[in-house]
Protein backbone atom coordinates (compact mmCIF):
# COMPACT_ATOMS: atom_id res chain seq x y z
CA MET A 1 176.58 57.96 75.28
CA PRO A 2 173.69 59.58 73.43
CA TRP A 3 170.39 57.82 73.39
CA VAL A 4 170.08 55.78 70.22
CA ARG A 5 166.70 54.59 69.06
CA GLN A 6 166.63 50.92 68.35
CA PRO A 7 164.88 49.81 65.18
CA MET A 8 161.29 48.78 65.75
CA ASN A 9 160.82 45.10 65.93
CA GLU A 10 157.75 43.35 64.56
CA LEU A 11 156.01 43.22 67.95
CA ASP A 12 156.40 46.97 68.43
CA ARG A 13 154.98 47.64 64.96
CA LEU A 14 151.99 45.41 65.64
CA GLN A 15 151.33 47.09 68.98
CA GLU A 16 151.49 50.51 67.35
CA LYS A 17 149.17 49.38 64.60
CA ILE A 18 146.66 47.98 67.11
CA ALA A 19 146.77 51.20 69.15
CA PHE A 20 146.08 53.23 66.02
CA GLN A 21 143.18 50.97 65.06
CA GLU A 22 141.70 51.17 68.55
CA ARG A 23 141.80 54.99 68.40
CA SER A 24 140.21 54.90 64.95
CA ILE A 25 137.44 52.57 66.10
CA GLU A 26 136.75 54.79 69.12
CA GLN A 27 136.53 57.89 66.92
CA LEU A 28 134.22 56.10 64.48
CA ASN A 29 132.04 54.89 67.33
CA ASP A 30 131.77 58.44 68.67
CA ALA A 31 130.80 59.69 65.21
CA VAL A 32 128.15 56.98 64.77
CA THR A 33 126.75 57.66 68.24
CA ASP A 34 126.50 61.40 67.51
CA GLN A 35 124.82 60.69 64.17
CA GLN A 36 122.31 58.35 65.81
CA ARG A 37 121.38 61.04 68.35
CA GLN A 38 120.97 63.55 65.52
CA ILE A 39 118.81 61.10 63.53
CA GLN A 40 116.58 60.52 66.55
CA ARG A 41 116.22 64.27 67.17
CA LEU A 42 115.44 64.98 63.52
CA SER A 43 112.96 62.09 63.36
CA GLU A 44 111.12 63.52 66.35
CA GLU A 45 111.06 66.96 64.73
CA VAL A 46 109.67 65.48 61.50
CA ARG A 47 107.00 63.61 63.48
CA ILE A 48 105.98 66.83 65.25
CA LEU A 49 105.91 68.81 61.99
CA ALA A 50 103.83 66.12 60.29
CA GLN A 51 101.34 66.22 63.17
CA LEU A 52 101.14 70.03 62.98
CA LEU A 53 100.61 69.84 59.22
CA ARG A 54 97.78 67.30 59.66
CA GLU A 55 96.14 69.48 62.30
CA ARG A 56 96.41 72.55 60.09
CA ARG A 57 94.92 70.74 57.09
CA GLU A 58 92.06 69.46 59.23
CA SER A 59 91.49 72.97 60.56
CA GLU A 60 91.47 74.46 57.07
CA GLN A 61 89.09 71.76 55.82
CA SER A 62 86.71 72.32 58.71
CA GLN A 63 86.84 76.10 58.12
CA ALA A 64 86.14 75.59 54.42
CA THR A 65 83.24 73.30 55.25
CA GLY A 66 81.97 75.81 57.79
CA ALA A 67 82.26 78.67 55.28
CA SER A 68 80.26 76.78 52.66
CA SER A 69 77.52 76.04 55.18
CA VAL A 70 77.40 79.77 56.11
CA ILE A 71 76.92 80.61 52.42
CA HIS A 72 73.95 78.27 52.30
CA GLU A 73 72.48 79.90 55.39
CA ILE A 74 72.19 83.39 53.84
CA PRO A 75 68.64 84.56 54.26
CA PRO A 76 66.57 84.70 51.06
CA HIS A 77 66.01 88.50 51.23
CA TYR A 78 69.67 89.15 50.28
């Protein structure tokens, strides 16, 4: 006698549906976790770049201030 598949009863359908939902939730959780790690990494990179930008601006401002003071220190015989 060949194997004959019995029609799915309501309990089987519900179990299948729950299994599908559990897989979907797990996949979504993995995606959210990966995105959170990426957000944290990018936030740290932005923080570092902002700090470097501040340091560079401060350096340029101090160089500009230093250059203007050198101009004022030119001896009068020039």
